[in-house]
Amino acid sequence: MRKVLILDDNADILQIVTEVLVYEGYQVRGINTGAELFALAESYLPDLILLDYRLPDANGGELCRELKLHPQLKDIPVIIFTAYQDPKLDLSTYGCEGVISKPFDLDNLTRAIDALILAD
């Protein structure tokens, strides 16, 4: 079963995205703090990670950069999703494979996830 790890501090977004992905046949784990990310990612080994960009305890972009340097996790595709809109900020510079702006269309989100997971 395809596995997705979601990190978002908004409980509503975690719940909605989790429900949609489970309905689409994914196994999903959701967390709400950056502090939990690496331990869970190492044990869960997801096929894809969704990271919120702005978190109370971390920067999703920096977490993505750290994931891409981690020997065990570096090849896991990462999508950063954010409501933070700064036209001068290119989130792809953090090494993520995709960026999705909030609010987002759930069909577009699942298509982006499918495209990255099925590309392997």
PDB file of N, CA and C in Angstrom:
ATOM      1  N   MET A   1       0.846  -1.180   0.000  1.00  0.00           N
ATOM      2  CA  MET A   1       0.000   0.000   0.000  1.00  0.00           C
ATOM      3  C   MET A   1       0.892   1.245   0.000  1.00  0.00           C
ATOM      4  N   ARG A   2       0.508   2.224  -0.765  1.00  0.00           N
ATOM      5  CA  ARG A   2       1.255   3.478  -0.854  1.00  0.00           C
ATOM      6  C   ARG A   2       1.068   4.277   0.431  1.00  0.00           C
ATOM      7  N   LYS A   3       2.188   4.804   0.953  1.00  0.00           N
ATOM      8  CA  LYS A   3       2.159   5.490   2.247  1.00  0.00           C
ATOM      9  C   LYS A   3       2.525   6.958   2.085  1.00  0.00           C
ATOM     10  N   VAL A   4       1.752   7.814   2.785  1.00  0.00           N
ATOM     11  CA  VAL A   4       1.999   9.253   2.785  1.00  0.00           C
ATOM     12  C   VAL A   4       2.102   9.719   4.228  1.00  0.00           C
ATOM     13  N   LEU A   5       3.087  10.577   4.469  1.00  0.00           N
ATOM     14  CA  LEU A   5       3.238  11.234   5.760  1.00  0.00           C
ATOM     15  C   LEU A   5       2.914  12.708   5.573  1.00  0.00           C
ATOM     16  N   ILE A   6       2.004  13.219   6.392  1.00  0.00           N
ATOM     17  CA  ILE A   6       1.577  14.623   6.301  1.00  0.00           C
ATOM     18  C   ILE A   6       2.002  15.352   7.564  1.00  0.00           C
ATOM     19  N   LEU A   7       2.648  16.496   7.380  1.00  0.00           N
ATOM     20  CA  LEU A   7       2.982  17.377   8.490  1.00  0.00           C
ATOM     21  C   LEU A   7       2.289  18.708   8.265  1.00  0.00           C
ATOM     22  N   ASP A   8       1.303  19.002   9.097  1.00  0.00           N
ATOM     23  CA  ASP A   8       0.589  20.283   9.044  1.00  0.00           C
ATOM     24  C   ASP A   8       0.082  20.587  10.437  1.00  0.00           C
ATOM     25  N   ASP A   9       0.233  21.829  10.869  1.00  0.00           N
ATOM     26  CA  ASP A   9      -0.210  22.200  12.210  1.00  0.00           C
ATOM     27  C   ASP A   9      -1.705  22.487  12.281  1.00  0.00           C
ATOM     28  N   ASN A  10      -2.381  22.513  11.143  1.00  0.00           N
ATOM     29  CA  ASN A  10      -3.816  22.757  11.106  1.00  0.00           C
ATOM     30  C   ASN A  10      -4.555  21.410  11.150  1.00  0.00           C
ATOM     31  N   ALA A  11      -5.247  21.165  12.244  1.00  0.00           N
ATOM     32  CA  ALA A  11      -5.932  19.881  12.437  1.00  0.00           C
ATOM     33  C   ALA A  11      -6.988  19.626  11.369  1.00  0.00           C
ATOM     34  N   ASP A  12      -7.680  20.665  10.912  1.00  0.00           N
ATOM     35  CA  ASP A  12      -8.702  20.490   9.878  1.00  0.00           C
ATOM     36  C   ASP A  12      -8.082  20.014   8.567  1.00  0.00           C
ATOM     37  N   ILE A  13      -6.962  20.619   8.178  1.00  0.00           N
ATOM     38  CA  ILE A  13      -6.293  20.197   6.944  1.00  0.00           C
ATOM     39  C   ILE A  13      -5.792  18.764   7.080  1.00  0.00           C
ATOM     40  N   LEU A  14      -5.195  18.439   8.219  1.00  0.00           N
ATOM     41  CA  LEU A  14      -4.738  17.063   8.439  1.00  0.00           C
ATOM     42  C   LEU A  14      -5.890  16.073   8.285  1.00  0.00           C
ATOM     43  N   GLN A  15      -7.019  16.390   8.880  1.00  0.00           N
ATOM     44  CA  GLN A  15      -8.165  15.483   8.828  1.00  0.00           C
ATOM     45  C   GLN A  15      -8.701  15.335   7.402  1.00  0.00           C
ATOM     46  N   ILE A  16      -8.893  16.439   6.721  1.00  0.00           N
ATOM     47  CA  ILE A  16      -9.468  16.393   5.367  1.00  0.00           C
ATOM     48  C   ILE A  16      -8.540  15.665   4.400  1.00  0.00           C
ATOM     49  N   VAL A  17      -7.272  16.030   4.411  1.00  0.00           N
ATOM     50  CA  VAL A  17      -6.324  15.400   3.483  1.00  0.00           C
ATOM     51  C   VAL A  17      -6.176  13.914   3.809  1.00  0.00           C
ATOM     52  N   THR A  18      -6.135  13.588   5.081  1.00  0.00           N
ATOM     53  CA  THR A  18      -6.049  12.180   5.471  1.00  0.00           C
ATOM     54  C   THR A  18      -7.257  11.403   4.958  1.00  0.00           C
ATOM     55  N   GLU A  19      -8.458  11.926   5.176  1.00  0.00           N
ATOM     56  CA  GLU A  19      -9.672  11.236   4.720  1.00  0.00           C
ATOM     57  C   GLU A  19      -9.669  11.024   3.208  1.00  0.00           C
ATOM     58  N   VAL A  20      -9.286  12.056   2.471  1.00  0.00           N
ATOM     59  CA  VAL A  20      -9.274  11.951   1.006  1.00  0.00           C
ATOM     60  C   VAL A  20      -8.251  10.915   0.551  1.00  0.00           C
ATOM     61  N   LEU A  21      -7.059  10.947   1.128  1.00  0.00           N
ATOM     62  CA  LEU A  21      -6.023  10.009   0.705  1.00  0.00           C
ATOM     63  C   LEU A  21      -6.345   8.574   1.094  1.00  0.00           C
ATOM     64  N   VAL A  22      -6.940   8.378   2.264  1.00  0.00           N
ATOM     65  CA  VAL A  22      -7.364   7.030   2.658  1.00  0.00           C
ATOM     66  C   VAL A  22      -8.424   6.529   1.678  1.00  0.00           C
ATOM     67  N   TYR A  23      -9.358   7.380   1.320  1.00  0.00           N
ATOM     68  CA  TYR A  23     -10.385   7.019   0.337  1.00  0.00           C
ATOM     69  C   TYR A  23      -9.742   6.632  -1.000  1.00  0.00           C
ATOM     70  N   GLU A  24      -8.643   7.301  -1.356  1.00  0.00           N
ATOM     71  CA  GLU A  24      -7.944   7.016  -2.613  1.00  0.00           C
ATOM     72  C   GLU A  24      -7.020   5.803  -2.511  1.00  0.00           C
ATOM     73  N   GLY A  25      -6.988   5.144  -1.353  1.00  0.00           N
ATOM     74  CA  GLY A  25      -6.220   3.919  -1.210  1.00  0.00           C
ATOM     75  C   GLY A  25      -4.842   4.082  -0.594  1.00  0.00           C
ATOM     76  N   TYR A  26      -4.567   5.225  -0.008  1.00  0.00           N
ATOM     77  CA  TYR A  26      -3.283   5.450   0.638  1.00  0.00           C
ATOM     78  C   TYR A  26      -3.346   5.095   2.120  1.00  0.00           C
ATOM     79  N   GLN A  27      -2.220   4.681   2.663  1.00  0.00           N
ATOM     80  CA  GLN A  27      -2.048   4.577   4.105  1.00  0.00           C
ATOM     81  C   GLN A  27      -1.453   5.914   4.522  1.00  0.00           C
ATOM     82  N   VAL A  28      -2.023   6.567   5.529  1.00  0.00           N
ATOM     83  CA  VAL A  28      -1.633   7.937   5.871  1.00  0.00           C
ATOM     84  C   VAL A  28      -1.312   8.048   7.350  1.00  0.00           C
ATOM     85  N   ARG A  29      -0.240   8.762   7.632  1.00  0.00           N
ATOM     86  CA  ARG A  29       0.097   9.166   9.001  1.00  0.00           C
ATOM     87  C   ARG A  29       0.176  10.678   8.997  1.00  0.00           C
ATOM     88  N   GLY A  30      -0.421  11.301   9.986  1.00  0.00           N
ATOM     89  CA  GLY A  30      -0.394  12.748  10.093  1.00  0.00           C
ATOM     90  C   GLY A  30       0.210  13.193  11.404  1.00  0.00           C
ATOM     91  N   ILE A  31       1.022  14.241  11.345  1.00  0.00           N
ATOM     92  CA  ILE A  31       1.620  14.832  12.534  1.00  0.00           C
ATOM     93  C   ILE A  31       1.471  16.343  12.442  1.00  0.00           C
ATOM     94  N   ASN A  32       1.638  17.015  13.601  1.00  0.00           N
ATOM     95  CA  ASN A  32       1.434  18.458  13.580  1.00  0.00           C
ATOM     96  C   ASN A  32       2.623  19.279  14.059  1.00  0.00           C
ATOM     97  N   THR A  33       3.760  18.619  14.315  1.00  0.00           N
ATOM     98  CA  THR A  33       4.960  19.366  14.692  1.00  0.00           C
ATOM     99  C   THR A  33       6.182  18.850  13.944  1.00  0.00           C
ATOM    100  N   GLY A  34       7.069  19.762  13.650  1.00  0.00           N
ATOM    101  CA  GLY A  34       8.304  19.397  12.971  1.00  0.00           C
ATOM    102  C   GLY A  34       9.182  18.488  13.807  1.00  0.00           C
ATOM    103  N   ALA A  35       9.065  18.592  15.122  1.00  0.00           N
ATOM    104  CA  ALA A  35       9.880  17.780  16.016  1.00  0.00           C
ATOM    105  C   ALA A  35       9.640  16.283  15.830  1.00  0.00           C
ATOM    106  N   GLU A  36       8.456  15.918  15.356  1.00  0.00           N
ATOM    107  CA  GLU A  36       8.103  14.504  15.181  1.00  0.00           C
ATOM    108  C   GLU A  36       8.551  13.930  13.846  1.00  0.00           C
ATOM    109  N   LEU A  37       8.908  14.788  12.905  1.00  0.00           N
ATOM    110  CA  LEU A  37       9.070  14.379  11.516  1.00  0.00           C
ATOM    111  C   LEU A  37      10.103  13.284  11.303  1.00  0.00           C
ATOM    112  N   PHE A  38      11.320  13.475  11.736  1.00  0.00           N
ATOM    113  CA  PHE A  38      12.384  12.549  11.366  1.00  0.00           C
ATOM    114  C   PHE A  38      12.228  11.175  11.996  1.00  0.00           C
ATOM    115  N   ALA A  39      11.853  11.118  13.261  1.00  0.00           N
ATOM    116  CA  ALA A  39      11.663   9.819  13.912  1.00  0.00           C
ATOM    117  C   ALA A  39      10.549   9.026  13.231  1.00  0.00           C
ATOM    118  N   LEU A  40       9.442   9.701  12.935  1.00  0.00           N
ATOM    119  CA  LEU A  40       8.335   9.002  12.287  1.00  0.00           C
ATOM    120  C   LEU A  40       8.695   8.616  10.855  1.00  0.00           C
ATOM    121  N   ALA A  41       9.327   9.514  10.116  1.00  0.00           N
ATOM    122  CA  ALA A  41       9.697   9.206   8.736  1.00  0.00           C
ATOM    123  C   ALA A  41      10.652   8.008   8.680  1.00  0.00           C
ATOM    124  N   GLU A  42      11.587   7.932   9.613  1.00  0.00           N
ATOM    125  CA  GLU A  42      12.531   6.811   9.635  1.00  0.00           C
ATOM    126  C   GLU A  42      11.840   5.486   9.931  1.00  0.00           C
ATOM    127  N   SER A  43      10.839   5.493  10.793  1.00  0.00           N
ATOM    128  CA  SER A  43      10.160   4.243  11.130  1.00  0.00           C
ATOM    129  C   SER A  43       9.046   3.900  10.139  1.00  0.00           C
ATOM    130  N   TYR A  44       8.372   4.898   9.614  1.00  0.00           N
ATOM    131  CA  TYR A  44       7.221   4.694   8.723  1.00  0.00           C
ATOM    132  C   TYR A  44       7.649   4.501   7.269  1.00  0.00           C
ATOM    133  N   LEU A  45       8.746   5.142   6.868  1.00  0.00           N
ATOM    134  CA  LEU A  45       9.266   5.115   5.501  1.00  0.00           C
ATOM    135  C   LEU A  45       8.167   5.344   4.456  1.00  0.00           C
ATOM    136  N   PRO A  46       7.623   6.556   4.444  1.00  0.00           N
ATOM    137  CA  PRO A  46       6.541   6.848   3.497  1.00  0.00           C
ATOM    138  C   PRO A  46       7.043   6.902   2.058  1.00  0.00           C
ATOM    139  N   ASP A  47       6.112   6.766   1.122  1.00  0.00           N
ATOM    140  CA  ASP A  47       6.423   6.911  -0.300  1.00  0.00           C
ATOM    141  C   ASP A  47       6.452   8.381  -0.703  1.00  0.00           C
ATOM    142  N   LEU A  48       5.851   9.240   0.131  1.00  0.00           N
ATOM    143  CA  LEU A  48       5.809  10.674  -0.142  1.00  0.00           C
ATOM    144  C   LEU A  48       5.542  11.407   1.163  1.00  0.00           C
ATOM    145  N   ILE A  49       6.104  12.628   1.270  1.00  0.00           N
ATOM    146  CA  ILE A  49       5.876  13.466   2.440  1.00  0.00           C
ATOM    147  C   ILE A  49       5.265  14.784   1.988  1.00  0.00           C
ATOM    148  N   LEU A  50       4.158  15.168   2.642  1.00  0.00           N
ATOM    149  CA  LEU A  50       3.541  16.486   2.446  1.00  0.00           C
ATOM    150  C   LEU A  50       3.943  17.359   3.628  1.00  0.00           C
ATOM    151  N   LEU A  51       4.570  18.496   3.349  1.00  0.00           N
ATOM    152  CA  LEU A  51       5.039  19.380   4.408  1.00  0.00           C
ATOM    153  C   LEU A  51       4.381  20.739   4.316  1.00  0.00           C
ATOM    154  N   ASP A  52       3.821  21.191   5.413  1.00  0.00           N
ATOM    155  CA  ASP A  52       3.370  22.573   5.495  1.00  0.00           C
ATOM    156  C   ASP A  52       4.621  23.449   5.583  1.00  0.00           C
ATOM    157  N   TYR A  53       4.596  24.595   4.923  1.00  0.00           N
ATOM    158  CA  TYR A  53       5.761  25.476   4.921  1.00  0.00           C
ATOM    159  C   TYR A  53       5.924  26.226   6.241  1.00  0.00           C
ATOM    160  N   ARG A  54       4.824  26.749   6.752  1.00  0.00           N
ATOM    161  CA  ARG A  54       4.897  27.540   7.992  1.00  0.00           C
ATOM    162  C   ARG A  54       4.336  26.735   9.155  1.00  0.00           C
ATOM    163  N   LEU A  55       5.216  26.430  10.082  1.00  0.00           N
ATOM    164  CA  LEU A  55       4.851  25.670  11.272  1.00  0.00           C
ATOM    165  C   LEU A  55       5.282  26.450  12.506  1.00  0.00           C
ATOM    166  N   PRO A  56       4.595  26.271  13.626  1.00  0.00           N
ATOM    167  CA  PRO A  56       4.981  27.005  14.833  1.00  0.00           C
ATOM    168  C   PRO A  56       6.391  26.665  15.320  1.00  0.00           C
ATOM    169  N   ASP A  57       6.814  25.419  15.111  1.00  0.00           N
ATOM    170  CA  ASP A  57       8.103  24.992  15.653  1.00  0.00           C
ATOM    171  C   ASP A  57       9.180  24.755  14.593  1.00  0.00           C
ATOM    172  N   ALA A  58       8.859  25.003  13.312  1.00  0.00           N
ATOM    173  CA  ALA A  58       9.834  24.703  12.263  1.00  0.00           C
ATOM    174  C   ALA A  58       9.453  25.398  10.966  1.00  0.00           C
ATOM    175  N   ASN A  59      10.393  25.410  10.054  1.00  0.00           N
ATOM    176  CA  ASN A  59      10.166  25.899   8.693  1.00  0.00           C
ATOM    177  C   ASN A  59      10.137  24.674   7.789  1.00  0.00           C
ATOM    178  N   GLY A  60       9.015  24.477   7.091  1.00  0.00           N
ATOM    179  CA  GLY A  60       8.877  23.308   6.223  1.00  0.00           C
ATOM    180  C   GLY A  60       9.937  23.234   5.144  1.00  0.00           C
ATOM    181  N   GLY A  61      10.363  24.381   4.643  1.00  0.00           N
ATOM    182  CA  GLY A  61      11.420  24.393   3.640  1.00  0.00           C
ATOM    183  C   GLY A  61      12.730  23.863   4.191  1.00  0.00           C
ATOM    184  N   GLU A  62      13.067  24.291   5.394  1.00  0.00           N
ATOM    185  CA  GLU A  62      14.300  23.809   6.021  1.00  0.00           C
ATOM    186  C   GLU A  62      14.195  22.324   6.366  1.00  0.00           C
ATOM    187  N   LEU A  63      13.008  21.889   6.791  1.00  0.00           N
ATOM    188  CA  LEU A  63      12.810  20.457   7.047  1.00  0.00           C
ATOM    189  C   LEU A  63      13.004  19.658   5.762  1.00  0.00           C
ATOM    190  N   CYS A  64      12.489  20.176   4.654  1.00  0.00           N
ATOM    191  CA  CYS A  64      12.665  19.508   3.371  1.00  0.00           C
ATOM    192  C   CYS A  64      14.149  19.403   3.035  1.00  0.00           C
ATOM    193  N   ARG A  65      14.876  20.489   3.210  1.00  0.00           N
ATOM    194  CA  ARG A  65      16.317  20.492   2.931  1.00  0.00           C
ATOM    195  C   ARG A  65      17.032  19.429   3.777  1.00  0.00           C
ATOM    196  N   GLU A  66      16.645  19.327   5.048  1.00  0.00           N
ATOM    197  CA  GLU A  66      17.246  18.321   5.929  1.00  0.00           C
ATOM    198  C   GLU A  66      16.879  16.900   5.482  1.00  0.00           C
ATOM    199  N   LEU A  67      15.629  16.717   5.048  1.00  0.00           N
ATOM    200  CA  LEU A  67      15.224  15.398   4.541  1.00  0.00           C
ATOM    201  C   LEU A  67      16.079  14.987   3.349  1.00  0.00           C
ATOM    202  N   LYS A  68      16.356  15.939   2.462  1.00  0.00           N
ATOM    203  CA  LYS A  68      17.109  15.641   1.245  1.00  0.00           C
ATOM    204  C   LYS A  68      18.582  15.359   1.529  1.00  0.00           C
ATOM    205  N   LEU A  69      19.042  15.679   2.741  1.00  0.00           N
ATOM    206  CA  LEU A  69      20.416  15.369   3.146  1.00  0.00           C
ATOM    207  C   LEU A  69      20.506  14.092   3.988  1.00  0.00           C
ATOM    208  N   HIS A  70      19.353  13.593   4.400  1.00  0.00           N
ATOM    209  CA  HIS A  70      19.300  12.418   5.274  1.00  0.00           C
ATOM    210  C   HIS A  70      19.535  11.151   4.455  1.00  0.00           C
ATOM    211  N   PRO A  71      20.507  10.317   4.827  1.00  0.00           N
ATOM    212  CA  PRO A  71      20.830   9.134   4.017  1.00  0.00           C
ATOM    213  C   PRO A  71      19.660   8.179   3.775  1.00  0.00           C
ATOM    214  N   GLN A  72      18.809   8.000   4.769  1.00  0.00           N
ATOM    215  CA  GLN A  72      17.698   7.053   4.650  1.00  0.00           C
ATOM    216  C   GLN A  72      16.464   7.673   3.989  1.00  0.00           C
ATOM    217  N   LEU A  73      16.311   8.996   4.040  1.00  0.00           N
ATOM    218  CA  LEU A  73      15.077   9.646   3.611  1.00  0.00           C
ATOM    219  C   LEU A  73      15.227  10.502   2.354  1.00  0.00           C
ATOM    220  N   LYS A  74      16.424  10.676   1.860  1.00  0.00           N
ATOM    221  CA  LYS A  74      16.701  11.641   0.787  1.00  0.00           C
ATOM    222  C   LYS A  74      15.949  11.390  -0.512  1.00  0.00           C
ATOM    223  N   ASP A  75      15.574  10.142  -0.781  1.00  0.00           N
ATOM    224  CA  ASP A  75      14.909   9.833  -2.049  1.00  0.00           C
ATOM    225  C   ASP A  75      13.381   9.874  -1.973  1.00  0.00           C
ATOM    226  N   ILE A  76      12.845  10.181  -0.811  1.00  0.00           N
ATOM    227  CA  ILE A  76      11.388  10.279  -0.663  1.00  0.00           C
ATOM    228  C   ILE A  76      10.928  11.609  -1.257  1.00  0.00           C
ATOM    229  N   PRO A  77      10.002  11.585  -2.216  1.00  0.00           N
ATOM    230  CA  PRO A  77       9.494  12.844  -2.774  1.00  0.00           C
ATOM    231  C   PRO A  77       8.784  13.674  -1.704  1.00  0.00           C
ATOM    232  N   VAL A  78       8.972  14.988  -1.803  1.00  0.00           N
ATOM    233  CA  VAL A  78       8.371  15.925  -0.851  1.00  0.00           C
ATOM    234  C   VAL A  78       7.561  16.964  -1.622  1.00  0.00           C
ATOM    235  N   ILE A  79       6.342  17.192  -1.157  1.00  0.00           N
ATOM    236  CA  ILE A  79       5.520  18.295  -1.659  1.00  0.00           C
ATOM    237  C   ILE A  79       5.351  19.271  -0.505  1.00  0.00           C
ATOM    238  N   ILE A  80       5.704  20.531  -0.745  1.00  0.00           N
ATOM    239  CA  ILE A  80       5.458  21.576   0.241  1.00  0.00           C
ATOM    240  C   ILE A  80       4.127  22.215  -0.098  1.00  0.00           C
ATOM    241  N   PHE A  81       3.265  22.330   0.905  1.00  0.00           N
ATOM    242  CA  PHE A  81       2.028  23.058   0.670  1.00  0.00           C
ATOM    243  C   PHE A  81       1.905  24.188   1.668  1.00  0.00           C
ATOM    244  N   THR A  82       1.402  25.330   1.149  1.00  0.00           N
ATOM    245  CA  THR A  82       1.451  26.537   1.958  1.00  0.00           C
ATOM    246  C   THR A  82       0.412  27.562   1.554  1.00  0.00           C
ATOM    247  N   ALA A  83      -0.004  28.337   2.529  1.00  0.00           N
ATOM    248  CA  ALA A  83      -0.847  29.495   2.255  1.00  0.00           C
ATOM    249  C   ALA A  83       0.013  30.746   2.173  1.00  0.00           C
ATOM    250  N   TYR A  84       1.284  30.603   2.480  1.00  0.00           N
ATOM    251  CA  TYR A  84       2.222  31.722   2.470  1.00  0.00           C
ATOM    252  C   TYR A  84       2.581  32.051   1.027  1.00  0.00           C
ATOM    253  N   GLN A  85       2.184  33.212   0.588  1.00  0.00           N
ATOM    254  CA  GLN A  85       2.400  33.603  -0.805  1.00  0.00           C
ATOM    255  C   GLN A  85       3.381  34.764  -0.878  1.00  0.00           C
ATOM    256  N   ASP A  86       4.576  34.499  -1.299  1.00  0.00           N
ATOM    257  CA  ASP A  86       5.575  35.526  -1.521  1.00  0.00           C
ATOM    258  C   ASP A  86       6.160  35.268  -2.901  1.00  0.00           C
ATOM    259  N   PRO A  87       5.845  36.125  -3.870  1.00  0.00           N
ATOM    260  CA  PRO A  87       6.298  35.862  -5.241  1.00  0.00           C
ATOM    261  C   PRO A  87       7.819  35.792  -5.385  1.00  0.00           C
ATOM    262  N   LYS A  88       8.549  36.349  -4.421  1.00  0.00           N
ATOM    263  CA  LYS A  88      10.011  36.308  -4.494  1.00  0.00           C
ATOM    264  C   LYS A  88      10.574  35.001  -3.943  1.00  0.00           C
ATOM    265  N   LEU A  89       9.750  34.221  -3.280  1.00  0.00           N
ATOM    266  CA  LEU A  89      10.209  32.991  -2.653  1.00  0.00           C
ATOM    267  C   LEU A  89       9.943  31.801  -3.569  1.00  0.00           C
ATOM    268  N   ASP A  90      11.002  31.111  -3.949  1.00  0.00           N
ATOM    269  CA  ASP A  90      10.888  29.916  -4.779  1.00  0.00           C
ATOM    270  C   ASP A  90      11.086  28.706  -3.879  1.00  0.00           C
ATOM    271  N   LEU A  91       9.986  28.073  -3.485  1.00  0.00           N
ATOM    272  CA  LEU A  91      10.061  26.954  -2.545  1.00  0.00           C
ATOM    273  C   LEU A  91      10.802  25.752  -3.114  1.00  0.00           C
ATOM    274  N   SER A  92      10.907  25.651  -4.421  1.00  0.00           N
ATOM    275  CA  SER A  92      11.620  24.519  -5.016  1.00  0.00           C
ATOM    276  C   SER A  92      13.112  24.548  -4.678  1.00  0.00           C
ATOM    277  N   THR A  93      13.621  25.699  -4.253  1.00  0.00           N
ATOM    278  CA  THR A  93      15.037  25.766  -3.878  1.00  0.00           C
ATOM    279  C   THR A  93      15.345  24.922  -2.648  1.00  0.00           C
ATOM    280  N   TYR A  94      14.340  24.504  -1.921  1.00  0.00           N
ATOM    281  CA  TYR A  94      14.548  23.635  -0.762  1.00  0.00           C
ATOM    282  C   TYR A  94      14.721  22.175  -1.168  1.00  0.00           C
ATOM    283  N   GLY A  95      14.525  21.860  -2.440  1.00  0.00           N
ATOM    284  CA  GLY A  95      14.711  20.498  -2.913  1.00  0.00           C
ATOM    285  C   GLY A  95      13.448  19.676  -3.045  1.00  0.00           C
ATOM    286  N   CYS A  96      12.302  20.303  -2.840  1.00  0.00           N
ATOM    287  CA  CYS A  96      11.040  19.556  -2.941  1.00  0.00           C
ATOM    288  C   CYS A  96      10.724  19.235  -4.398  1.00  0.00           C
ATOM    289  N   GLU A  97       9.925  18.213  -4.573  1.00  0.00           N
ATOM    290  CA  GLU A  97       9.507  17.804  -5.909  1.00  0.00           C
ATOM    291  C   GLU A  97       8.231  18.486  -6.363  1.00  0.00           C
ATOM    292  N   GLY A  98       7.560  19.174  -5.461  1.00  0.00           N
ATOM    293  CA  GLY A  98       6.333  19.867  -5.818  1.00  0.00           C
ATOM    294  C   GLY A  98       5.958  20.909  -4.788  1.00  0.00           C
ATOM    295  N   VAL A  99       5.164  21.890  -5.233  1.00  0.00           N
ATOM    296  CA  VAL A  99       4.641  22.937  -4.362  1.00  0.00           C
ATOM    297  C   VAL A  99       3.160  23.094  -4.672  1.00  0.00           C
ATOM    298  N   ILE A 100       2.344  23.106  -3.641  1.00  0.00           N
ATOM    299  CA  ILE A 100       0.910  23.292  -3.802  1.00  0.00           C
ATOM    300  C   ILE A 100       0.480  24.428  -2.885  1.00  0.00           C
ATOM    301  N   SER A 101      -0.234  25.387  -3.446  1.00  0.00           N
ATOM    302  CA  SER A 101      -0.707  26.531  -2.670  1.00  0.00           C
ATOM    303  C   SER A 101      -2.032  26.213  -1.994  1.00  0.00           C
ATOM    304  N   LYS A 102      -2.185  26.706  -0.771  1.00  0.00           N
ATOM    305  CA  LYS A 102      -3.458  26.610  -0.055  1.00  0.00           C
ATOM    306  C   LYS A 102      -4.241  27.884  -0.338  1.00  0.00           C
ATOM    307  N   PRO A 103      -5.531  27.823  -0.458  1.00  0.00           N
ATOM    308  CA  PRO A 103      -6.328  26.597  -0.466  1.00  0.00           C
ATOM    309  C   PRO A 103      -6.057  25.818  -1.750  1.00  0.00           C
ATOM    310  N   PHE A 104      -6.194  24.517  -1.686  1.00  0.00           N
ATOM    311  CA  PHE A 104      -5.893  23.685  -2.838  1.00  0.00           C
ATOM    312  C   PHE A 104      -7.093  22.822  -3.185  1.00  0.00           C
ATOM    313  N   ASP A 105      -7.118  22.421  -4.429  1.00  0.00           N
ATOM    314  CA  ASP A 105      -8.141  21.516  -4.926  1.00  0.00           C
ATOM    315  C   ASP A 105      -7.697  20.096  -4.586  1.00  0.00           C
ATOM    316  N   LEU A 106      -8.547  19.326  -3.923  1.00  0.00           N
ATOM    317  CA  LEU A 106      -8.174  17.982  -3.497  1.00  0.00           C
ATOM    318  C   LEU A 106      -7.860  17.067  -4.670  1.00  0.00           C
ATOM    319  N   ASP A 107      -8.539  17.237  -5.794  1.00  0.00           N
ATOM    320  CA  ASP A 107      -8.232  16.430  -6.977  1.00  0.00           C
ATOM    321  C   ASP A 107      -6.831  16.734  -7.492  1.00  0.00           C
ATOM    322  N   ASN A 108      -6.460  18.020  -7.494  1.00  0.00           N
ATOM    323  CA  ASN A 108      -5.105  18.391  -7.931  1.00  0.00           C
ATOM    324  C   ASN A 108      -4.058  17.828  -6.980  1.00  0.00           C
ATOM    325  N   LEU A 109      -4.360  17.837  -5.683  1.00  0.00           N
ATOM    326  CA  LEU A 109      -3.434  17.284  -4.704  1.00  0.00           C
ATOM    327  C   LEU A 109      -3.228  15.793  -4.937  1.00  0.00           C
ATOM    328  N   THR A 110      -4.310  15.048  -5.110  1.00  0.00           N
ATOM    329  CA  THR A 110      -4.158  13.600  -5.314  1.00  0.00           C
ATOM    330  C   THR A 110      -3.463  13.294  -6.639  1.00  0.00           C
ATOM    331  N   ARG A 111      -3.719  14.101  -7.660  1.00  0.00           N
ATOM    332  CA  ARG A 111      -3.011  13.895  -8.936  1.00  0.00           C
ATOM    333  C   ARG A 111      -1.519  14.133  -8.784  1.00  0.00           C
ATOM    334  N   ALA A 112      -1.155  15.177  -8.039  1.00  0.00           N
ATOM    335  CA  ALA A 112       0.267  15.478  -7.822  1.00  0.00           C
ATOM    336  C   ALA A 112       0.944  14.348  -7.024  1.00  0.00           C
ATOM    337  N   ILE A 113       0.260  13.847  -6.023  1.00  0.00           N
ATOM    338  CA  ILE A 113       0.807  12.739  -5.225  1.00  0.00           C
ATOM    339  C   ILE A 113       0.952  11.494  -6.095  1.00  0.00           C
ATOM    340  N   ASP A 114      -0.109  11.152  -6.812  1.00  0.00           N
ATOM    341  CA  ASP A 114      -0.058   9.981  -7.699  1.00  0.00           C
ATOM    342  C   ASP A 114       1.091  10.093  -8.695  1.00  0.00           C
ATOM    343  N   ALA A 115       1.261  11.268  -9.288  1.00  0.00           N
ATOM    344  CA  ALA A 115       2.303  11.457 -10.304  1.00  0.00           C
ATOM    345  C   ALA A 115       3.695  11.211  -9.713  1.00  0.00           C
ATOM    346  N   LEU A 116       3.922  11.657  -8.509  1.00  0.00           N
ATOM    347  CA  LEU A 116       5.238  11.462  -7.899  1.00  0.00           C
ATOM    348  C   LEU A 116       5.458  10.035  -7.404  1.00  0.00           C
ATOM    349  N   ILE A 117       4.441   9.443  -6.847  1.00  0.00           N
ATOM    350  CA  ILE A 117       4.599   8.073  -6.327  1.00  0.00           C
ATOM    351  C   ILE A 117       4.663   7.063  -7.475  1.00  0.00           C
ATOM    352  N   LEU A 118       3.826   7.246  -8.458  1.00  0.00           N
ATOM    353  CA  LEU A 118       3.783   6.293  -9.575  1.00  0.00           C
ATOM    354  C   LEU A 118       4.944   6.482 -10.543  1.00  0.00           C
ATOM    355  N   ALA A 119       5.668   7.600 -10.416  1.00  0.00           N
ATOM    356  CA  ALA A 119       6.809   7.863 -11.294  1.00  0.00           C
ATOM    357  C   ALA A 119       7.984   6.940 -10.954  1.00  0.00           C
ATOM    358  N   ASP A 120       7.995   6.424  -9.724  1.00  0.00           N
ATOM    359  CA  ASP A 120       9.115   5.554  -9.310  1.00  0.00           C
ATOM    360  C   ASP A 120       9.061   4.204  -9.971  1.00  0.00           C
TER     361      ASP A 120
END
